[in-house]
Amino acid sequence: MLINAANIPADKKKSLEKEEPSYAFAGGVLGFSFYWLAFVLPFIVYGLNTPFFLLYTWPFFLALMPISVLLGIGINKLVSGRLLFSVPLCGVLVVMLFWQTFLLLTGW
């Protein structure tokens, strides 16, 4: 039995593919971290009455967590992984998203 196939060296295949850096991990960590920072801010501003408000509105704020992670990944990809730009931009956008939801639900 004769097999009509040629072996391709592993080095040749690697040289054809361009390796892109992964932006997902750093962006996901940024989005997740800023989500929890934004979650703590109402407790700092309004004190211990905040849990009573969050008791009935927690699904809205829980839905912001995957949005914040995806926002962090997207921002990190957009600025090509430069943390100098992605950290403040992600922080501002995630905190603003959280506060807009908080203010919308409180009616202010």
Protein backbone atom coordinates (compact mmCIF):
# COMPACT_ATOMS: atom_id res chain seq x y z
CA MET A 1 0.00 0.00 0.00
CA LEU A 2 1.46 3.30 -1.12
CA ILE A 3 0.48 6.59 0.56
CA ASN A 4 0.62 9.65 -1.63
CA ALA A 5 1.37 12.32 0.99
CA ALA A 6 4.29 14.53 1.84
CA ASN A 7 5.36 15.54 5.31
CA ILE A 8 5.21 19.26 5.96
CA PRO A 9 7.79 20.46 8.46
CA ALA A 10 6.37 22.17 11.54
CA ASP A 11 8.60 25.21 11.02
CA LYS A 12 7.11 25.98 7.62
CA LYS A 13 3.55 26.08 8.93
CA LYS A 14 4.43 28.42 11.83
CA SER A 15 6.15 30.90 9.56
CA LEU A 16 2.98 31.31 7.45
CA GLU A 17 0.70 32.18 10.36
CA LYS A 18 0.95 35.56 12.05
CA GLU A 19 0.62 35.35 15.80
CA GLU A 20 -1.65 37.99 17.35
CA PRO A 21 -1.40 38.84 21.02
CA SER A 22 -4.34 37.96 23.21
CA TYR A 23 -6.33 40.95 24.38
CA ALA A 24 -9.09 38.96 26.02
CA PHE A 25 -7.49 38.20 29.37
CA ALA A 26 -6.21 41.68 30.19
CA GLY A 27 -9.40 43.32 28.92
CA GLY A 28 -11.60 40.88 30.81
CA VAL A 29 -9.72 41.49 34.03
CA LEU A 30 -9.99 45.24 33.51
CA GLY A 31 -13.73 45.11 32.87
CA PHE A 32 -14.36 42.78 35.82
CA SER A 33 -12.24 44.88 38.18
CA PHE A 34 -13.90 48.13 37.21
CA TYR A 35 -17.33 46.50 37.52
CA TRP A 36 -16.66 45.73 41.19
CA LEU A 37 -15.19 49.18 41.74
CA ALA A 38 -18.35 50.72 40.27
CA PHE A 39 -20.47 48.39 42.41
CA VAL A 40 -18.79 49.70 45.57
CA LEU A 41 -19.23 53.39 44.69
CA PRO A 42 -22.95 53.62 45.63
CA PHE A 43 -22.11 52.17 49.05
CA ILE A 44 -19.48 54.87 49.51
CA VAL A 45 -21.76 57.67 48.34
CA TYR A 46 -25.11 56.63 49.87
CA GLY A 47 -24.01 54.48 52.79
CA LEU A 48 -25.75 51.48 54.27
CA ASN A 49 -29.15 52.22 52.68
CA THR A 50 -27.82 51.01 49.34
CA PRO A 51 -28.41 47.26 50.00
CA PHE A 52 -32.14 47.93 50.41
CA PHE A 53 -32.21 49.52 46.97
CA LEU A 54 -30.10 46.74 45.44
CA LEU A 55 -32.33 44.08 47.01
CA TYR A 56 -34.95 44.72 44.31
CA THR A 57 -32.77 45.90 41.44
CA TRP A 58 -29.89 43.38 41.54
CA PRO A 59 -30.73 41.75 38.15
CA PHE A 60 -30.04 45.02 36.36
CA PHE A 61 -26.63 45.37 37.98
CA LEU A 62 -25.81 41.69 37.53
CA ALA A 63 -26.50 42.08 33.80
CA LEU A 64 -23.84 44.80 33.67
CA MET A 65 -21.06 42.35 34.61
CA PRO A 66 -20.74 40.52 31.25
CA ILE A 67 -21.26 43.83 29.47
CA SER A 68 -18.37 45.32 31.47
CA VAL A 69 -16.11 42.36 30.69
CA LEU A 70 -16.91 42.56 26.97
CA LEU A 71 -16.41 46.32 27.06
CA GLY A 72 -12.98 45.81 28.62
CA ILE A 73 -12.02 43.24 25.98
CA GLY A 74 -13.24 45.49 23.17
CA ILE A 75 -11.42 48.55 24.47
CA ASN A 76 -8.22 46.59 24.98
CA LYS A 77 -8.45 45.25 21.41
CA LEU A 78 -9.27 48.72 20.06
CA VAL A 79 -6.15 50.31 21.56
CA SER A 80 -3.98 47.26 20.67
CA GLY A 81 -3.32 46.23 24.26
CA ARG A 82 -1.76 49.51 25.39
CA LEU A 83 -2.65 49.62 29.07
CA LEU A 84 -1.86 53.32 29.34
CA PHE A 85 -4.94 54.04 27.22
CA SER A 86 -7.15 51.06 27.98
CA VAL A 87 -7.15 51.32 31.80
CA PRO A 88 -8.54 54.87 32.11
CA LEU A 89 -10.88 54.47 29.14
CA CYS A 90 -12.30 51.20 30.45
CA GLY A 91 -12.61 52.62 33.95
CA VAL A 92 -14.51 55.69 32.82
CA LEU A 93 -16.87 53.77 30.55
CA VAL A 94 -17.70 50.97 33.00
CA VAL A 95 -18.26 53.37 35.91
CA MET A 96 -20.42 55.61 33.72
CA LEU A 97 -22.45 52.62 32.53
CA PHE A 98 -23.03 51.52 36.11
CA TRP A 99 -23.96 55.01 37.29
CA GLN A 100 -26.33 55.59 34.38
CA THR A 101 -28.16 52.41 35.33
CA PHE A 102 -28.19 53.41 38.98
CA LEU A 103 -29.52 56.89 38.24
CA LEU A 104 -32.10 55.55 35.81
CA LEU A 105 -33.46 53.16 38.43
CA THR A 106 -33.49 55.75 41.21
CA GLY A 107 -35.28 58.26 39.00
CA TRP A 108 -32.87 61.16 39.40
